[in-house]
Amino acid sequence: NVMNAAESAKLNEWLAEEGMDGHLRLIYESEKFSALEFFAHCKGVPHTVIVVETECGLKVGGYSSTPWTGENTGWRRSEAFLFVLHSKDGCFKAQINGDPKKAIYHDDSGPDFGNDLKVGETGVDVQYNTAPKYETQQLRKLSTRDRKPYGIKAIEVYKVVESNDSTKADSPAAVSIKPATSFTPQINQALNKKLESLREALRQVERTETSLEEECSFVDTLFISNDCNDLVKLNVCGTTMMTHRSTLRQVKDSVLASQFDDSKWTQQVASVETWTPAEVAGWVRSLNGVPDDAAEIFEKNEVTGVELINLGNDERLYKLGITRPGTVGILSNQITDLRKASEDSASLIEHSPYCFGKILDYLRTKRLHSLNLIDKVQCPVVDDSQKERFEKVVSYFFPGSQVNEFIHKGTEDKSNPKMRKRKRKRTEDSSDSEYSDSSDSESD
């Protein structure tokens, strides 16, 4: 092993400081570095630790939360740090102090930690270039900028398996199978070839599982971070839109945010369309004058909320199995009332669906940016024929200087005198007079 017990314990201590409380599972080792072999074992695997022992006795490495891709895609964000386990100056950890979006660099020659540590087939380079991204005070003493890279004596790559990892010790992915040596050379070769194919299949399964975990984590961040009971259904001049209150409140102190703040917001009636068959059957049981066997018919046919609001027709209820005319009449009337109540629960926005849709799309990207899921938020791109109306709608919901967040300075047509005149007028008036009368009514 490259690491002794004390060095392994120190590395685990540093990982725990980064919130990675678990154990190390070896996924690749070699006495020389091969980019092809490295990516065959490590491509797509998150939370990896690389440890290299050089020919001069230096032990250096790095941790990256982001998987290595083996593709020439350039800089990437990662929760990463570098470390030295053995040197003449002792051991130390080097945190990133530059742009976190440039923590690692992806290419097909080997892992590269921001110009501060690169492992390649020619050896190991430390702070080999200008503009280092990690703490430099101690790493600078090991720099290979003006000399040859350190020769590699051994390299090991580990996956950090967190303590809550569901992989069991006796699972196929965790079992180490020794190569066959007990048979004839031909049989040993055939068995070992099958063994390597099995190992590659297991690695592919792990990479697929890891990819699925990352997708689930993304979905959790994007959707579960909001209370599903805080969904807002909007009726924008007949066009239905749905979003979260947190999206509508992205621009603080705006007119739109104030309409959906805690002091004015009352939760909308839950949409019937989201009802499960059990909830539908429960609703039927709650109706006065409807016998229990009618609810059982709905439950047996697994009628959902979407199907329920489309059953407000006597003939459809008969086909479902409801035969008593009185029960059919009650259900038909109640379903009609339920459908109307569900439709009427939407908050009315009396503005252009096109313009408000552009505003809503911008607010959604702004929320994604606040969750660190996208790097930049761009102004909405509006069709020339809708720009004047869009500016008025934006000025109503986001008066004063807030309007500049939605309208790019270069979007106006400099050859159009009327457009320039409108821009100057907007800086003098906080909102257009066409909307001043409706402001009070919509904020009530």
Protein backbone atom coordinates (compact mmCIF):
# COMPACT_ATOMS: atom_id res chain seq x y z
CA ASN A 1 0.00 0.00 0.00
CA VAL A 2 1.10 3.58 -0.68
CA MET A 3 -0.23 4.78 2.70
CA ASN A 4 0.65 3.45 6.13
CA ALA A 5 -1.91 3.34 8.95
CA ALA A 6 -1.07 6.80 10.30
CA GLU A 7 -1.25 8.39 6.85
CA SER A 8 -4.55 6.68 6.10
CA ALA A 9 -5.98 7.94 9.41
CA LYS A 10 -4.84 11.49 8.60
CA LEU A 11 -6.46 11.36 5.18
CA ASN A 12 -9.74 10.17 6.70
CA GLU A 13 -9.54 13.06 9.18
CA TRP A 14 -9.21 15.56 6.31
CA LEU A 15 -12.10 13.93 4.46
CA ALA A 16 -14.27 14.16 7.58
CA GLU A 17 -13.53 17.89 7.70
CA GLU A 18 -15.09 18.10 4.22
CA GLY A 19 -18.20 16.21 5.35
CA MET A 20 -17.12 12.88 3.81
CA ASP A 21 -17.53 10.51 6.74
CA GLY A 22 -16.94 6.99 5.44
CA HIS A 23 -14.29 4.53 4.35
CA LEU A 24 -11.96 4.23 1.36
CA ARG A 25 -12.51 1.52 -1.24
CA LEU A 26 -9.62 0.85 -3.63
CA ILE A 27 -10.71 1.01 -7.29
CA TYR A 28 -7.35 1.36 -9.09
CA GLU A 29 -3.67 0.73 -8.33
CA SER A 30 -0.55 0.54 -10.44
CA GLU A 31 3.22 0.90 -10.28
CA LYS A 32 3.09 3.24 -13.26
CA PHE A 33 0.38 5.58 -14.51
CA SER A 34 -1.61 4.80 -17.64
CA ALA A 35 -4.33 7.27 -18.64
CA LEU A 36 -6.19 4.50 -20.46
CA GLU A 37 -6.23 2.25 -17.39
CA PHE A 38 -7.00 5.12 -15.03
CA PHE A 39 -10.14 6.18 -16.90
CA ALA A 40 -11.18 2.55 -17.45
CA HIS A 41 -11.39 2.15 -13.65
CA CYS A 42 -12.27 5.68 -12.50
CA LYS A 43 -14.29 7.37 -15.25
CA GLY A 44 -17.64 8.60 -13.95
CA VAL A 45 -16.91 7.70 -10.31
CA PRO A 46 -17.62 10.58 -7.88
CA HIS A 47 -15.81 11.26 -4.58
CA THR A 48 -12.40 9.88 -5.51
CA VAL A 49 -9.06 10.20 -3.74
CA ILE A 50 -5.82 9.92 -5.74
CA VAL A 51 -2.64 9.06 -3.81
CA VAL A 52 0.75 8.98 -5.53
CA GLU A 53 4.10 7.90 -4.13
CA THR A 54 7.00 9.31 -6.12
CA GLU A 55 10.43 7.81 -6.65
CA CYS A 56 11.94 10.36 -4.22
CA GLY A 57 9.55 9.37 -1.41
CA LEU A 58 7.05 12.22 -1.72
CA LYS A 59 3.44 11.17 -1.12
CA VAL A 60 0.95 13.58 -2.65
CA GLY A 61 -2.63 13.48 -3.83
CA GLY A 62 -6.02 15.10 -4.11
CA TYR A 63 -9.73 14.59 -3.49
CA SER A 64 -12.49 15.50 -5.97
CA SER A 65 -16.24 15.22 -5.50
CA THR A 66 -16.75 15.59 -9.26
CA PRO A 67 -16.10 12.47 -11.39
CA TRP A 68 -13.26 12.39 -13.90
CA THR A 69 -14.57 12.13 -17.47
CA GLY A 70 -11.54 11.37 -19.62
CA GLU A 71 -12.78 13.92 -22.16
CA ASN A 72 -11.31 17.26 -23.21
CA THR A 73 -14.04 19.42 -21.66
CA GLY A 74 -11.86 21.85 -19.68
CA TRP A 75 -12.50 23.43 -16.29
CA ARG A 76 -15.15 22.10 -13.92
CA ARG A 77 -16.46 22.92 -10.45
CA SER A 78 -15.66 20.45 -7.67
CA GLU A 79 -15.50 20.19 -3.90
CA ALA A 80 -11.78 19.43 -3.88
CA PHE A 81 -8.57 19.71 -1.90
CA LEU A 82 -4.93 18.65 -2.24
CA PHE A 83 -2.73 17.01 0.37
CA VAL A 84 0.81 15.88 1.08
CA LEU A 85 1.13 12.82 3.33
CA HIS A 86 4.92 12.64 3.40
CA SER A 87 7.60 15.19 2.57
CA LYS A 88 10.62 16.75 4.22
CA ASP A 89 8.26 19.46 5.54
CA GLY A 90 5.76 16.95 6.97
CA CYS A 91 2.12 16.48 5.97
CA PHE A 92 -0.46 19.16 5.16
CA LYS A 93 -3.73 19.86 3.40
CA ALA A 94 -4.19 22.58 0.74
CA GLN A 95 -7.66 24.06 0.24
CA ILE A 96 -8.81 25.73 -2.95
CA ASN A 97 -8.52 29.52 -2.75
CA GLY A 98 -9.21 30.41 -6.37
CA ASP A 99 -12.31 30.14 -8.54
CA PRO A 100 -14.25 27.01 -7.40
CA LYS A 101 -15.45 26.60 -10.98
CA LYS A 102 -11.81 25.83 -11.90
CA ALA A 103 -11.09 23.27 -9.19
CA ILE A 104 -10.30 20.50 -11.69
CA TYR A 105 -9.48 20.33 -15.39
CA HIS A 106 -10.81 17.58 -17.64
CA ASP A 107 -8.67 16.16 -20.45
CA ASP A 108 -7.76 12.68 -21.65
CA SER A 109 -4.17 12.67 -20.35
CA GLY A 110 -4.97 12.26 -16.64
CA PRO A 111 -6.41 13.99 -13.56
CA ASP A 112 -5.51 17.66 -13.14
CA PHE A 113 -6.25 19.77 -10.05
CA GLY A 114 -6.22 23.39 -11.27
CA ASN A 115 -2.56 23.67 -12.40
CA ASP A 116 -1.49 22.62 -8.88
CA LEU A 117 -1.35 18.84 -9.22
CA LYS A 118 -1.38 16.88 -12.45
CA VAL A 119 -0.83 13.14 -12.78
CA GLY A 120 0.26 11.97 -16.22
CA GLU A 121 2.26 9.28 -17.93
CA THR A 122 5.43 11.40 -17.67
CA GLY A 123 5.06 11.78 -13.89
CA VAL A 124 3.55 14.12 -11.31
CA ASP A 125 3.64 17.91 -11.66
CA VAL A 126 3.07 20.20 -8.66
CA GLN A 127 2.22 23.89 -9.18
CA TYR A 128 3.64 23.57 -12.67
CA ASN A 129 1.95 26.66 -14.12
CA THR A 130 1.04 30.21 -13.27
CA ALA A 131 -2.21 31.22 -11.52
CA PRO A 132 -2.46 28.40 -8.95
CA LYS A 133 -5.94 27.62 -7.64
CA TYR A 134 -4.97 26.07 -4.28
CA GLU A 135 -3.14 27.37 -1.20
CA THR A 136 0.43 27.91 -2.25
CA GLN A 137 2.58 28.56 0.82
CA GLN A 138 3.66 24.93 1.30
CA LEU A 139 2.93 23.58 -2.18
CA ARG A 140 5.27 26.17 -3.68
CA LYS A 141 8.24 24.38 -2.11
CA LEU A 142 7.38 21.26 -4.12
CA SER A 143 6.82 23.07 -7.44
CA THR A 144 8.04 21.41 -10.65
CA ARG A 145 7.66 24.57 -12.71
CA ASP A 146 11.36 24.77 -13.56
CA ARG A 147 12.25 21.09 -13.43
CA LYS A 148 11.10 17.64 -14.51
CA PRO A 149 7.99 16.09 -12.98
CA TYR A 150 8.33 13.63 -10.12
CA GLY A 151 8.67 10.02 -11.23
CA ILE A 152 5.81 7.74 -10.14
CA LYS A 153 6.63 4.75 -7.94
CA ALA A 154 3.02 3.77 -7.23
CA ILE A 155 -0.46 5.22 -7.58
CA GLU A 156 -3.71 4.29 -5.85
CA VAL A 157 -7.22 5.63 -6.42
CA TYR A 158 -9.97 5.19 -3.85
CA LYS A 159 -13.70 5.83 -3.90
CA VAL A 160 -14.95 7.44 -0.70
CA VAL A 161 -17.85 5.27 0.44
CA GLU A 162 -19.99 7.22 2.89
CA SER A 163 -21.18 5.57 6.09
CA ASN A 164 -24.80 5.60 4.80
CA ASP A 165 -23.82 3.85 1.54
CA SER A 166 -26.21 0.96 0.85
CA THR A 167 -23.48 -1.28 -0.66
CA LYS A 168 -23.00 -4.31 1.59
CA ALA A 169 -19.61 -5.86 2.25
CA ASP A 170 -20.69 -9.13 0.60
CA SER A 171 -22.22 -7.50 -2.49
CA PRO A 172 -20.69 -8.32 -5.92
CA ALA A 173 -19.28 -4.81 -6.23
CA ALA A 174 -17.36 -5.17 -2.97
CA VAL A 175 -15.99 -8.71 -3.42
CA SER A 176 -12.35 -9.02 -4.50
CA ILE A 177 -11.80 -12.09 -6.73
CA LYS A 178 -8.24 -13.29 -7.24
CA PRO A 179 -7.11 -14.24 -10.75
CA ALA A 180 -7.22 -17.95 -11.64
CA THR A 181 -3.85 -19.72 -11.34
CA SER A 182 -4.74 -23.34 -10.47
CA PHE A 183 -5.52 -24.63 -13.97
CA THR A 184 -3.70 -24.95 -17.26
CA PRO A 185 -2.48 -21.66 -18.80
CA GLN A 186 -5.18 -21.79 -21.45
CA ILE A 187 -7.98 -22.29 -18.90
CA ASN A 188 -6.51 -19.66 -16.54
CA GLN A 189 -6.37 -17.18 -19.42
CA ALA A 190 -9.99 -17.86 -20.41
CA LEU A 191 -11.23 -17.60 -16.81
CA ASN A 192 -9.30 -14.39 -16.16
CA LYS A 193 -10.68 -12.88 -19.37
CA LYS A 194 -14.21 -13.65 -18.18
CA LEU A 195 -13.29 -12.25 -14.76
CA GLU A 196 -12.15 -8.97 -16.26
CA SER A 197 -15.38 -8.75 -18.26
CA LEU A 198 -17.32 -9.29 -15.03
CA ARG A 199 -15.32 -6.58 -13.26
CA GLU A 200 -15.99 -4.14 -16.09
CA ALA A 201 -19.71 -4.97 -15.96
CA LEU A 202 -19.74 -4.31 -12.20
CA ARG A 203 -17.93 -1.01 -12.71
CA GLN A 204 -20.50 -0.05 -15.32
CA VAL A 205 -23.32 -0.88 -12.89
CA GLU A 206 -21.66 1.30 -10.22
CA ARG A 207 -21.25 4.16 -12.69
CA THR A 208 -24.92 3.85 -13.68
CA GLU A 209 -26.00 3.81 -10.02
CA THR A 210 -23.83 6.85 -9.32
CA SER A 211 -25.32 8.69 -12.27
CA LEU A 212 -28.82 7.85 -11.02
CA GLU A 213 -27.94 9.09 -7.52
CA GLU A 214 -26.71 12.38 -8.96
CA GLU A 215 -29.89 12.79 -11.01
CA CYS A 216 -32.02 12.08 -7.92
CA SER A 217 -29.96 14.59 -5.96
CA PHE A 218 -30.57 17.17 -8.70
CA VAL A 219 -34.32 16.51 -8.63
CA ASP A 220 -34.33 16.78 -4.83
CA THR A 221 -32.52 20.11 -4.98
CA LEU A 222 -34.78 21.44 -7.70
CA PHE A 223 -38.18 20.31 -6.46
CA ILE A 224 -38.14 19.00 -2.90
CA SER A 225 -36.52 22.22 -1.68
CA ASN A 226 -39.99 23.73 -2.16
CA ASP A 227 -43.09 22.75 -0.23
CA CYS A 228 -45.43 20.97 -2.65
CA ASN A 229 -48.34 22.56 -0.78
CA ASP A 230 -46.99 25.97 -1.79
CA LEU A 231 -47.62 25.42 -5.49
CA VAL A 232 -49.42 28.29 -7.20
CA LYS A 233 -51.86 27.85 -10.07
CA LEU A 234 -52.12 30.97 -12.22
CA ASN A 235 -54.83 31.92 -14.70
CA VAL A 236 -53.05 34.32 -17.03
CA CYS A 237 -55.90 35.62 -19.19
CA GLY A 238 -57.15 32.08 -19.79
CA THR A 239 -53.71 30.41 -19.96
CA THR A 240 -52.95 28.14 -16.99
CA MET A 241 -49.45 28.30 -15.50
CA MET A 242 -48.07 26.62 -12.36
CA THR A 243 -45.06 27.49 -10.25
CA HIS A 244 -43.91 27.89 -6.65
CA ARG A 245 -44.43 30.98 -4.55
CA SER A 246 -40.69 31.11 -4.01
CA THR A 247 -40.26 31.57 -7.78
CA LEU A 248 -42.72 34.49 -7.88
CA ARG A 249 -40.89 36.11 -4.95
CA GLN A 250 -37.39 36.02 -6.44
CA VAL A 251 -37.25 39.82 -6.79
CA LYS A 252 -37.71 41.16 -3.27
CA ASP A 253 -39.99 44.15 -2.63
CA SER A 254 -41.50 43.89 -6.12
CA VAL A 255 -45.24 44.18 -6.78
CA LEU A 256 -45.35 40.52 -7.85
CA ALA A 257 -43.55 39.33 -4.71
CA SER A 258 -45.89 41.34 -2.47
CA GLN A 259 -48.96 39.70 -4.05
CA PHE A 260 -47.71 36.29 -2.89
CA ASP A 261 -45.98 37.11 0.41
CA ASP A 262 -46.95 35.43 3.68
CA SER A 263 -49.17 38.30 4.86
CA LYS A 264 -51.47 38.12 1.81
CA TRP A 265 -51.17 34.53 0.65
CA THR A 266 -53.85 31.97 1.44
CA GLN A 267 -53.18 28.46 0.23
CA GLN A 268 -55.15 27.51 -2.87
CA VAL A 269 -57.53 24.59 -2.92
CA ALA A 270 -55.55 21.44 -3.72
CA SER A 271 -56.10 20.53 -7.37
CA VAL A 272 -58.52 17.64 -7.82
CA GLU A 273 -56.31 16.45 -10.66
CA THR A 274 -53.70 15.32 -8.11
CA TRP A 275 -56.12 13.04 -6.19
CA THR A 276 -55.27 9.35 -5.88
CA PRO A 277 -57.95 6.61 -6.28
CA ALA A 278 -58.14 6.34 -2.46
CA GLU A 279 -58.77 10.10 -2.17
CA VAL A 280 -61.45 9.93 -4.87
CA ALA A 281 -63.21 7.06 -3.07
CA GLY A 282 -63.01 9.00 0.20
CA TRP A 283 -64.62 12.02 -1.43
CA VAL A 284 -67.47 9.86 -2.80
CA ARG A 285 -68.09 8.40 0.70
CA SER A 286 -68.34 11.91 2.14
CA LEU A 287 -71.29 12.87 -0.11
CA ASN A 288 -74.73 12.89 1.51
CA GLY A 289 -77.18 10.52 -0.13
CA VAL A 290 -74.55 8.43 -1.93
CA PRO A 291 -74.45 4.78 -0.78
CA ASP A 292 -71.16 3.12 0.21
CA ASP A 293 -71.27 0.70 -2.71
CA ALA A 294 -70.83 3.66 -5.09
CA ALA A 295 -67.50 4.50 -3.40
CA GLU A 296 -66.49 0.85 -3.73
CA ILE A 297 -67.17 1.02 -7.49
CA PHE A 298 -64.92 4.05 -7.83
CA GLU A 299 -62.21 2.33 -5.75
CA LYS A 300 -62.45 -0.92 -7.70
CA ASN A 301 -62.04 0.95 -11.01
CA GLU A 302 -59.12 2.97 -9.52
CA VAL A 303 -60.62 6.28 -10.66
CA THR A 304 -58.07 9.10 -10.30
CA GLY A 305 -58.71 12.81 -9.82
CA VAL A 306 -58.14 13.53 -13.52
CA GLU A 307 -60.67 10.87 -14.47
CA LEU A 308 -63.14 12.05 -11.83
CA ILE A 309 -63.56 15.57 -13.19
CA ASN A 310 -64.25 14.09 -16.62
CA LEU A 311 -67.03 11.81 -15.32
CA GLY A 312 -69.64 14.57 -14.86
CA ASN A 313 -71.81 12.91 -17.46
CA ASP A 314 -74.73 10.57 -16.67
CA GLU A 315 -73.86 8.10 -19.43
CA ARG A 316 -70.24 7.79 -18.26
CA LEU A 317 -71.34 7.16 -14.68
CA TYR A 318 -73.75 4.42 -15.89
CA LYS A 319 -70.88 2.78 -17.82
CA LEU A 320 -68.74 2.90 -14.67
CA GLY A 321 -71.38 0.80 -12.89
CA ILE A 322 -73.51 3.40 -11.06
CA THR A 323 -77.06 2.29 -11.88
CA ARG A 324 -79.39 4.14 -9.46
CA PRO A 325 -80.69 7.32 -11.18
CA GLY A 326 -80.71 9.29 -7.92
CA THR A 327 -77.09 8.42 -7.15
CA VAL A 328 -76.10 9.30 -10.73
CA GLY A 329 -77.78 12.70 -10.39
CA ILE A 330 -76.04 13.52 -7.09
CA LEU A 331 -72.64 12.46 -8.40
CA SER A 332 -73.07 14.35 -11.67
CA ASN A 333 -73.92 17.61 -9.86
CA GLN A 334 -71.16 17.20 -7.26
CA ILE A 335 -68.51 16.43 -9.88
CA THR A 336 -69.54 19.55 -11.84
CA ASP A 337 -69.24 21.69 -8.69
CA LEU A 338 -65.90 20.09 -7.84
CA ARG A 339 -64.52 20.78 -11.31
CA LYS A 340 -65.60 24.43 -11.13
CA ALA A 341 -64.09 24.86 -7.63
CA SER A 342 -60.79 23.42 -8.83
CA GLU A 343 -60.67 25.69 -11.89
CA ASP A 344 -61.64 28.78 -9.88
CA SER A 345 -58.78 28.23 -7.39
CA ALA A 346 -56.25 29.72 -9.81
CA SER A 347 -54.90 33.22 -9.09
CA LEU A 348 -55.90 35.61 -11.86
CA ILE A 349 -53.19 37.53 -13.72
CA GLU A 350 -54.75 39.97 -16.19
CA HIS A 351 -51.77 40.48 -18.46
CA SER A 352 -50.46 39.05 -21.71
CA PRO A 353 -49.69 35.30 -21.33
CA TYR A 354 -46.71 35.74 -23.67
CA CYS A 355 -45.19 38.57 -21.63
CA PHE A 356 -45.92 37.05 -18.22
CA GLY A 357 -44.58 33.70 -19.46
CA LYS A 358 -41.27 35.40 -20.31
CA ILE A 359 -41.17 36.94 -16.82
CA LEU A 360 -41.94 33.57 -15.20
CA ASP A 361 -39.22 31.80 -17.21
CA TYR A 362 -36.71 34.41 -16.08
CA LEU A 363 -37.73 34.03 -12.43
CA ARG A 364 -37.37 30.25 -12.72
CA THR A 365 -33.80 30.56 -14.03
CA LYS A 366 -33.10 33.07 -11.26
CA ARG A 367 -34.20 30.50 -8.68
CA LEU A 368 -32.03 27.82 -10.32
CA HIS A 369 -29.10 30.23 -10.05
CA SER A 370 -29.82 30.75 -6.35
CA LEU A 371 -29.56 26.94 -5.93
CA ASN A 372 -26.19 26.92 -7.78
CA LEU A 373 -27.68 24.77 -10.56
CA ILE A 374 -26.83 27.22 -13.35
CA ASP A 375 -23.96 29.70 -13.66
CA LYS A 376 -25.65 32.74 -15.17
CA VAL A 377 -29.08 34.34 -15.57
CA GLN A 378 -29.79 36.08 -18.86
CA CYS A 379 -32.41 38.69 -19.67
CA PRO A 380 -35.53 37.39 -21.47
CA VAL A 381 -35.42 37.38 -25.27
CA VAL A 382 -38.62 39.04 -26.48
CA ASP A 383 -40.05 39.19 -29.99
CA ASP A 384 -39.83 42.68 -31.51
CA SER A 385 -43.59 42.88 -31.92
CA GLN A 386 -44.08 42.28 -28.17
CA LYS A 387 -41.30 44.45 -26.72
CA GLU A 388 -43.46 47.49 -25.97
CA ARG A 389 -46.12 45.41 -24.22
CA PHE A 390 -43.45 43.39 -22.38
CA GLU A 391 -41.83 46.56 -21.02
CA LYS A 392 -45.19 47.77 -19.70
CA VAL A 393 -45.93 44.47 -17.96
CA VAL A 394 -42.44 44.40 -16.44
CA SER A 395 -42.77 48.03 -15.32
CA TYR A 396 -46.04 47.19 -13.58
CA PHE A 397 -44.74 44.20 -11.63
CA PHE A 398 -41.19 45.54 -11.15
CA PRO A 399 -41.30 49.35 -10.96
CA GLY A 400 -38.35 51.70 -10.75
CA SER A 401 -34.84 50.30 -11.04
CA GLN A 402 -36.10 46.69 -10.79
CA VAL A 403 -37.15 46.85 -14.45
CA ASN A 404 -33.47 46.92 -15.51
CA GLU A 405 -33.05 43.34 -14.32
CA PHE A 406 -35.44 42.10 -17.03
CA ILE A 407 -34.67 44.37 -19.96
CA HIS A 408 -31.20 44.28 -21.46
CA LYS A 409 -29.76 47.69 -22.24
CA GLY A 410 -29.13 46.62 -25.81
CA THR A 411 -32.60 45.28 -26.51
CA GLU A 412 -34.07 48.58 -27.67
CA ASP A 413 -33.95 49.44 -31.36
CA LYS A 414 -31.61 52.42 -31.62
CA SER A 415 -33.03 53.26 -35.03
CA ASN A 416 -36.54 53.62 -33.62
CA PRO A 417 -37.13 57.09 -32.09
CA LYS A 418 -40.35 55.95 -30.40
CA MET A 419 -38.48 53.18 -28.59
CA ARG A 420 -35.83 55.60 -27.30
CA LYS A 421 -38.54 58.02 -26.18
CA ARG A 422 -40.29 55.25 -24.22
CA LYS A 423 -37.03 54.38 -22.46
CA ARG A 424 -36.53 57.98 -21.38
CA LYS A 425 -40.15 58.21 -20.20
CA ARG A 426 -39.78 55.05 -18.11
CA THR A 427 -36.94 56.56 -16.12
CA GLU A 428 -39.19 59.53 -15.26
CA ASP A 429 -42.32 57.53 -14.36
CA SER A 430 -42.17 54.52 -12.06
CA SER A 431 -45.09 52.86 -13.87
CA ASP A 432 -47.25 53.33 -16.95
CA SER A 433 -50.59 55.10 -16.43
CA GLU A 434 -52.41 52.24 -18.16
CA TYR A 435 -51.68 50.06 -15.14
CA SER A 436 -51.95 52.60 -12.33
CA ASP A 437 -55.70 52.06 -11.86
CA SER A 438 -55.42 48.27 -11.73
CA SER A 439 -52.55 48.27 -9.25
CA ASP A 440 -54.78 48.67 -6.21
CA SER A 441 -57.29 46.06 -7.31
CA GLU A 442 -54.70 43.33 -7.96
CA SER A 443 -52.83 43.89 -4.74
CA ASP A 444 -55.98 43.60 -2.61
